[in-house]
């Protein structure tokens, strides 16, 4: 597993080996995902939920993201994220090295990590959401994001789930804008619904 493009292009990341608790997004699927979101990653604040190895957030950082916040609950995942951050940040500007934040939190219990972390109190531009497949956590976390103050009308939310699963087309604020499938991996893209114009509006 490698960083595909940007500053750290070609860098080999540390992987969990045969661990069945962490399922990294494949290089092929990750490359396709970043081709879709394109230049929106430049200067973005990025939130990587269920971060695993940190590959999605670090790909964003390599491509010019301003800040990446990683959240996971597993000790081995947090260690992998720390190690991979150290690898990717080598040679970067010291100020840029401060722009990765790693938080331990059980996301199945909600997004209340933000209440105790002032560094993530403002909204994000991109949110990656990659929980274990087929256990309902993707929909549950999307519902929590929908009612949170983590998003604005410009935020892109990407949920990764088994491609055969079904996720809602809308929540109270979020609406599905796109869906892509790459083998067993599916990406659901959400954004805040735009207000509908009423008849006769100028």
C-alpha atoms as a PDB file:
ATOM      1  CA  UNK A   1       0.000   0.000   0.000  1.00  0.00           C
ATOM      2  CA  UNK A   2       1.502   3.291  -1.138  1.00  0.00           C
ATOM      3  CA  UNK A   3       0.758   7.006  -1.328  1.00  0.00           C
ATOM      4  CA  UNK A   4      -0.395   7.464  -4.909  1.00  0.00           C
ATOM      5  CA  UNK A   5       0.259  11.125  -5.659  1.00  0.00           C
ATOM      6  CA  UNK A   6       1.564  14.401  -4.299  1.00  0.00           C
ATOM      7  CA  UNK A   7       4.441  15.228  -1.955  1.00  0.00           C
ATOM      8  CA  UNK A   8       4.782  11.677  -0.581  1.00  0.00           C
ATOM      9  CA  UNK A   9       4.077   9.906  -3.879  1.00  0.00           C
ATOM     10  CA  UNK A  10       5.322   6.315  -3.918  1.00  0.00           C
ATOM     11  CA  UNK A  11       5.883   6.151  -0.158  1.00  0.00           C
ATOM     12  CA  UNK A  12       5.131   2.671   1.154  1.00  0.00           C
ATOM     13  CA  UNK A  13       2.824   2.737   4.183  1.00  0.00           C
ATOM     14  CA  UNK A  14       2.959   0.342   7.111  1.00  0.00           C
ATOM     15  CA  UNK A  15       0.052  -2.099   6.936  1.00  0.00           C
ATOM     16  CA  UNK A  16      -1.692  -4.226   9.588  1.00  0.00           C
ATOM     17  CA  UNK A  17      -0.518  -7.514   8.076  1.00  0.00           C
ATOM     18  CA  UNK A  18      -3.090 -10.260   8.557  1.00  0.00           C
ATOM     19  CA  UNK A  19      -5.139  -8.344  11.127  1.00  0.00           C
ATOM     20  CA  UNK A  20      -8.874  -8.841  10.567  1.00  0.00           C
ATOM     21  CA  UNK A  21      -9.682  -5.674  12.534  1.00  0.00           C
ATOM     22  CA  UNK A  22      -8.304  -3.222   9.946  1.00  0.00           C
ATOM     23  CA  UNK A  23      -9.278  -3.253   6.265  1.00  0.00           C
ATOM     24  CA  UNK A  24      -7.282  -0.646   4.322  1.00  0.00           C
ATOM     25  CA  UNK A  25      -8.847   0.886   1.226  1.00  0.00           C
ATOM     26  CA  UNK A  26      -7.064  -0.606  -1.785  1.00  0.00           C
ATOM     27  CA  UNK A  27      -4.704   1.548  -3.833  1.00  0.00           C
ATOM     28  CA  UNK A  28      -6.985   1.167  -6.873  1.00  0.00           C
ATOM     29  CA  UNK A  29     -10.083   2.336  -5.021  1.00  0.00           C
ATOM     30  CA  UNK A  30      -8.186   5.157  -3.305  1.00  0.00           C
ATOM     31  CA  UNK A  31      -6.777   6.397  -6.612  1.00  0.00           C
ATOM     32  CA  UNK A  32     -10.266   6.402  -8.132  1.00  0.00           C
ATOM     33  CA  UNK A  33     -11.687   8.256  -5.133  1.00  0.00           C
ATOM     34  CA  UNK A  34      -9.103  11.039  -5.279  1.00  0.00           C
ATOM     35  CA  UNK A  35      -9.569  11.361  -9.021  1.00  0.00           C
ATOM     36  CA  UNK A  36     -13.221  12.148  -8.315  1.00  0.00           C
ATOM     37  CA  UNK A  37     -12.688  14.737  -5.582  1.00  0.00           C
ATOM     38  CA  UNK A  38      -9.773  16.273  -7.514  1.00  0.00           C
ATOM     39  CA  UNK A  39      -8.513  19.699  -6.470  1.00  0.00           C
ATOM     40  CA  UNK A  40     -11.070  20.056  -3.674  1.00  0.00           C
ATOM     41  CA  UNK A  41      -8.419  18.518  -1.418  1.00  0.00           C
ATOM     42  CA  UNK A  42      -6.077  21.494  -1.866  1.00  0.00           C
ATOM     43  CA  UNK A  43      -5.995  23.535   1.344  1.00  0.00           C
ATOM     44  CA  UNK A  44      -8.794  21.441   2.860  1.00  0.00           C
ATOM     45  CA  UNK A  45      -9.414  20.515   6.484  1.00  0.00           C
ATOM     46  CA  UNK A  46      -9.946  16.757   6.376  1.00  0.00           C
ATOM     47  CA  UNK A  47     -11.547  14.417   8.922  1.00  0.00           C
ATOM     48  CA  UNK A  48     -10.652  10.727   8.587  1.00  0.00           C
ATOM     49  CA  UNK A  49     -13.128   8.669  10.672  1.00  0.00           C
ATOM     50  CA  UNK A  50     -12.409   4.990  11.397  1.00  0.00           C
ATOM     51  CA  UNK A  51      -9.003   5.918  10.055  1.00  0.00           C
ATOM     52  CA  UNK A  52      -7.363   2.460  10.224  1.00  0.00           C
ATOM     53  CA  UNK A  53      -3.890   2.889   8.704  1.00  0.00           C
ATOM     54  CA  UNK A  54      -4.513   6.574   7.993  1.00  0.00           C
ATOM     55  CA  UNK A  55      -4.108   6.001   4.240  1.00  0.00           C
ATOM     56  CA  UNK A  56      -7.057   8.161   3.149  1.00  0.00           C
ATOM     57  CA  UNK A  57      -6.085  11.129   5.315  1.00  0.00           C
ATOM     58  CA  UNK A  58      -2.404  10.837   4.426  1.00  0.00           C
ATOM     59  CA  UNK A  59      -3.214  10.678   0.720  1.00  0.00           C
ATOM     60  CA  UNK A  60      -5.116  13.930   1.213  1.00  0.00           C
ATOM     61  CA  UNK A  61      -2.187  15.468   3.094  1.00  0.00           C
ATOM     62  CA  UNK A  62       0.230  14.437   0.358  1.00  0.00           C
ATOM     63  CA  UNK A  63      -2.042  16.104  -2.209  1.00  0.00           C
ATOM     64  CA  UNK A  64      -2.127  19.425  -0.394  1.00  0.00           C
ATOM     65  CA  UNK A  65      -4.664  19.219   2.433  1.00  0.00           C
ATOM     66  CA  UNK A  66      -4.120  21.885   5.095  1.00  0.00           C
ATOM     67  CA  UNK A  67      -4.950  19.712   8.106  1.00  0.00           C
ATOM     68  CA  UNK A  68      -5.986  16.112   8.728  1.00  0.00           C
ATOM     69  CA  UNK A  69      -7.673  14.801  11.884  1.00  0.00           C
ATOM     70  CA  UNK A  70      -7.600  11.018  12.316  1.00  0.00           C
ATOM     71  CA  UNK A  71     -10.087   9.252  14.618  1.00  0.00           C
ATOM     72  CA  UNK A  72     -10.065   5.574  15.577  1.00  0.00           C
ATOM     73  CA  UNK A  73     -10.570   3.526  18.723  1.00  0.00           C
ATOM     74  CA  UNK A  74      -8.212   0.592  18.176  1.00  0.00           C
ATOM     75  CA  UNK A  75      -4.769   0.668  19.738  1.00  0.00           C
ATOM     76  CA  UNK A  76      -3.112  -1.051  16.772  1.00  0.00           C
ATOM     77  CA  UNK A  77      -4.785   1.376  14.334  1.00  0.00           C
ATOM     78  CA  UNK A  78      -3.627   4.393  16.331  1.00  0.00           C
ATOM     79  CA  UNK A  79      -0.067   3.044  16.336  1.00  0.00           C
ATOM     80  CA  UNK A  80      -0.181   2.504  12.563  1.00  0.00           C
ATOM     81  CA  UNK A  81      -1.476   6.041  12.028  1.00  0.00           C
ATOM     82  CA  UNK A  82       1.323   7.506  14.162  1.00  0.00           C
ATOM     83  CA  UNK A  83       3.973   5.497  12.301  1.00  0.00           C
ATOM     84  CA  UNK A  84       2.586   6.349   8.871  1.00  0.00           C
ATOM     85  CA  UNK A  85       2.262  10.035   9.779  1.00  0.00           C
ATOM     86  CA  UNK A  86       5.928  10.062  10.791  1.00  0.00           C
ATOM     87  CA  UNK A  87       6.895   8.533   7.448  1.00  0.00           C
ATOM     88  CA  UNK A  88       4.802  10.965   5.396  1.00  0.00           C
ATOM     89  CA  UNK A  89       5.823  14.081   7.308  1.00  0.00           C
ATOM     90  CA  UNK A  90       9.556  13.556   6.899  1.00  0.00           C
ATOM     91  CA  UNK A  91      11.034  16.490   5.047  1.00  0.00           C
ATOM     92  CA  UNK A  92       7.887  18.592   5.245  1.00  0.00           C
ATOM     93  CA  UNK A  93       7.874  22.129   6.592  1.00  0.00           C
ATOM     94  CA  UNK A  94       7.800  22.098  10.448  1.00  0.00           C
ATOM     95  CA  UNK A  95       4.559  24.066  10.447  1.00  0.00           C
ATOM     96  CA  UNK A  96       2.936  21.497   8.179  1.00  0.00           C
ATOM     97  CA  UNK A  97       4.048  18.723  10.523  1.00  0.00           C
ATOM     98  CA  UNK A  98       1.741  20.200  13.176  1.00  0.00           C
ATOM     99  CA  UNK A  99      -1.269  19.702  10.945  1.00  0.00           C
ATOM    100  CA  UNK A 100      -1.990  16.076  11.745  1.00  0.00           C
ATOM    101  CA  UNK A 101      -4.071  15.303  14.829  1.00  0.00           C
ATOM    102  CA  UNK A 102      -4.758  11.777  16.087  1.00  0.00           C
ATOM    103  CA  UNK A 103      -7.712  11.166  18.405  1.00  0.00           C
ATOM    104  CA  UNK A 104      -8.697   7.950  20.171  1.00  0.00           C
ATOM    105  CA  UNK A 105     -12.474   7.613  20.238  1.00  0.00           C
ATOM    106  CA  UNK A 106     -15.130   4.913  19.803  1.00  0.00           C
ATOM    107  CA  UNK A 107     -17.203   6.287  16.931  1.00  0.00           C
ATOM    108  CA  UNK A 108     -19.947   3.730  17.494  1.00  0.00           C
ATOM    109  CA  UNK A 109     -20.825   5.946  20.489  1.00  0.00           C
ATOM    110  CA  UNK A 110     -21.183   9.080  18.386  1.00  0.00           C
ATOM    111  CA  UNK A 111     -19.108  12.121  17.519  1.00  0.00           C
ATOM    112  CA  UNK A 112     -18.726  13.522  21.006  1.00  0.00           C
ATOM    113  CA  UNK A 113     -14.924  13.509  20.599  1.00  0.00           C
ATOM    114  CA  UNK A 114     -15.333  17.063  19.274  1.00  0.00           C
ATOM    115  CA  UNK A 115     -16.653  18.331  22.618  1.00  0.00           C
ATOM    116  CA  UNK A 116     -13.275  17.662  24.251  1.00  0.00           C
ATOM    117  CA  UNK A 117     -11.015  18.688  21.405  1.00  0.00           C
ATOM    118  CA  UNK A 118     -10.886  22.377  20.562  1.00  0.00           C
ATOM    119  CA  UNK A 119      -8.718  21.669  17.540  1.00  0.00           C
ATOM    120  CA  UNK A 120     -11.646  20.050  15.720  1.00  0.00           C
ATOM    121  CA  UNK A 121     -14.318  22.523  16.747  1.00  0.00           C
ATOM    122  CA  UNK A 122     -14.606  24.179  13.319  1.00  0.00           C
ATOM    123  CA  UNK A 123     -16.164  22.528  10.244  1.00  0.00           C
ATOM    124  CA  UNK A 124     -14.324  20.286   7.794  1.00  0.00           C
ATOM    125  CA  UNK A 125     -14.093  20.505   4.023  1.00  0.00           C
ATOM    126  CA  UNK A 126     -13.840  16.748   3.452  1.00  0.00           C
ATOM    127  CA  UNK A 127     -14.929  13.886   5.706  1.00  0.00           C
ATOM    128  CA  UNK A 128     -13.878  10.289   5.020  1.00  0.00           C
ATOM    129  CA  UNK A 129     -15.957   7.625   6.736  1.00  0.00           C
ATOM    130  CA  UNK A 130     -14.668   4.043   6.475  1.00  0.00           C
ATOM    131  CA  UNK A 131     -16.101   1.816   9.234  1.00  0.00           C
ATOM    132  CA  UNK A 132     -16.051  -1.995   9.237  1.00  0.00           C
ATOM    133  CA  UNK A 133     -18.324  -3.246   6.477  1.00  0.00           C
ATOM    134  CA  UNK A 134     -21.878  -4.530   6.864  1.00  0.00           C
ATOM    135  CA  UNK A 135     -22.603  -3.692  10.490  1.00  0.00           C
ATOM    136  CA  UNK A 136     -24.656  -0.504  10.204  1.00  0.00           C
ATOM    137  CA  UNK A 137     -21.936   1.869  11.384  1.00  0.00           C
ATOM    138  CA  UNK A 138     -21.753   3.782   8.098  1.00  0.00           C
ATOM    139  CA  UNK A 139     -25.414   4.781   8.246  1.00  0.00           C
ATOM    140  CA  UNK A 140     -25.236   5.479  11.990  1.00  0.00           C
ATOM    141  CA  UNK A 141     -22.206   7.743  11.594  1.00  0.00           C
ATOM    142  CA  UNK A 142     -23.715   9.543   8.605  1.00  0.00           C
ATOM    143  CA  UNK A 143     -26.796  10.277  10.714  1.00  0.00           C
ATOM    144  CA  UNK A 144     -24.533  11.704  13.443  1.00  0.00           C
ATOM    145  CA  UNK A 145     -22.623  13.842  10.923  1.00  0.00           C
ATOM    146  CA  UNK A 146     -25.946  15.059   9.509  1.00  0.00           C
ATOM    147  CA  UNK A 147     -26.902  16.684  12.825  1.00  0.00           C
ATOM    148  CA  UNK A 148     -23.397  17.851  13.787  1.00  0.00           C
ATOM    149  CA  UNK A 149     -21.606  21.176  13.401  1.00  0.00           C
ATOM    150  CA  UNK A 150     -18.748  19.463  11.535  1.00  0.00           C
ATOM    151  CA  UNK A 151     -20.147  20.334   8.117  1.00  0.00           C
ATOM    152  CA  UNK A 152     -21.068  23.303   5.948  1.00  0.00           C
ATOM    153  CA  UNK A 153     -22.717  23.627   2.560  1.00  0.00           C
ATOM    154  CA  UNK A 154     -19.289  23.085   0.983  1.00  0.00           C
ATOM    155  CA  UNK A 155     -18.365  19.889   2.857  1.00  0.00           C
ATOM    156  CA  UNK A 156     -17.909  16.656   0.903  1.00  0.00           C
ATOM    157  CA  UNK A 157     -18.702  13.505   2.902  1.00  0.00           C
ATOM    158  CA  UNK A 158     -17.532  10.178   1.482  1.00  0.00           C
ATOM    159  CA  UNK A 159     -18.743   6.969   3.101  1.00  0.00           C
ATOM    160  CA  UNK A 160     -17.047   3.704   2.207  1.00  0.00           C
ATOM    161  CA  UNK A 161     -19.039   0.483   2.536  1.00  0.00           C
ATOM    162  CA  UNK A 162     -19.348  -2.916   0.890  1.00  0.00           C
ATOM    163  CA  UNK A 163     -20.545  -2.229  -2.652  1.00  0.00           C
ATOM    164  CA  UNK A 164     -23.523  -4.548  -2.220  1.00  0.00           C
ATOM    165  CA  UNK A 165     -24.894  -2.584   0.726  1.00  0.00           C
ATOM    166  CA  UNK A 166     -27.529   0.130   0.556  1.00  0.00           C
ATOM    167  CA  UNK A 167     -27.132   3.502   2.276  1.00  0.00           C
ATOM    168  CA  UNK A 168     -29.876   6.156   2.516  1.00  0.00           C
ATOM    169  CA  UNK A 169     -30.289   8.622  -0.327  1.00  0.00           C
ATOM    170  CA  UNK A 170     -30.904  11.427   2.149  1.00  0.00           C
ATOM    171  CA  UNK A 171     -30.928  12.456   5.798  1.00  0.00           C
ATOM    172  CA  UNK A 172     -32.396  15.592   7.326  1.00  0.00           C
ATOM    173  CA  UNK A 173     -29.629  17.778   5.858  1.00  0.00           C
ATOM    174  CA  UNK A 174     -27.516  15.454   3.730  1.00  0.00           C
ATOM    175  CA  UNK A 175     -28.319  14.158   0.279  1.00  0.00           C
ATOM    176  CA  UNK A 176     -26.563  11.490  -1.793  1.00  0.00           C
ATOM    177  CA  UNK A 177     -24.882  13.181  -4.756  1.00  0.00           C
ATOM    178  CA  UNK A 178     -22.986  10.241  -6.277  1.00  0.00           C
ATOM    179  CA  UNK A 179     -22.158   6.572  -5.798  1.00  0.00           C
ATOM    180  CA  UNK A 180     -19.257   4.615  -7.265  1.00  0.00           C
ATOM    181  CA  UNK A 181     -18.326   0.937  -7.128  1.00  0.00           C
ATOM    182  CA  UNK A 182     -14.849  -0.599  -7.389  1.00  0.00           C
ATOM    183  CA  UNK A 183     -15.031  -4.353  -6.888  1.00  0.00           C
ATOM    184  CA  UNK A 184     -16.222  -5.007  -3.331  1.00  0.00           C
ATOM    185  CA  UNK A 185     -15.742  -1.355  -2.385  1.00  0.00           C
ATOM    186  CA  UNK A 186     -18.469   1.245  -2.713  1.00  0.00           C
ATOM    187  CA  UNK A 187     -18.201   5.009  -2.179  1.00  0.00           C
ATOM    188  CA  UNK A 188     -21.251   7.108  -1.333  1.00  0.00           C
ATOM    189  CA  UNK A 189     -20.823  10.891  -1.734  1.00  0.00           C
ATOM    190  CA  UNK A 190     -23.004  13.211   0.346  1.00  0.00           C
ATOM    191  CA  UNK A 191     -23.422  16.970   0.589  1.00  0.00           C
ATOM    192  CA  UNK A 192     -25.829  19.343   2.310  1.00  0.00           C
ATOM    193  CA  UNK A 193     -29.090  19.769   0.420  1.00  0.00           C
ATOM    194  CA  UNK A 194     -29.455  23.021  -1.430  1.00  0.00           C
ATOM    195  CA  UNK A 195     -32.612  25.046  -0.635  1.00  0.00           C
ATOM    196  CA  UNK A 196     -35.302  24.530  -3.235  1.00  0.00           C
ATOM    197  CA  UNK A 197     -36.466  27.598  -5.113  1.00  0.00           C
ATOM    198  CA  UNK A 198     -40.208  28.161  -4.854  1.00  0.00           C
ATOM    199  CA  UNK A 199     -42.301  29.056  -7.886  1.00  0.00           C
ATOM    200  CA  UNK A 200     -42.326  32.754  -8.556  1.00  0.00           C
ATOM    201  CA  UNK A 201     -38.993  33.352  -6.755  1.00  0.00           C
ATOM    202  CA  UNK A 202     -36.696  35.908  -8.340  1.00  0.00           C
END
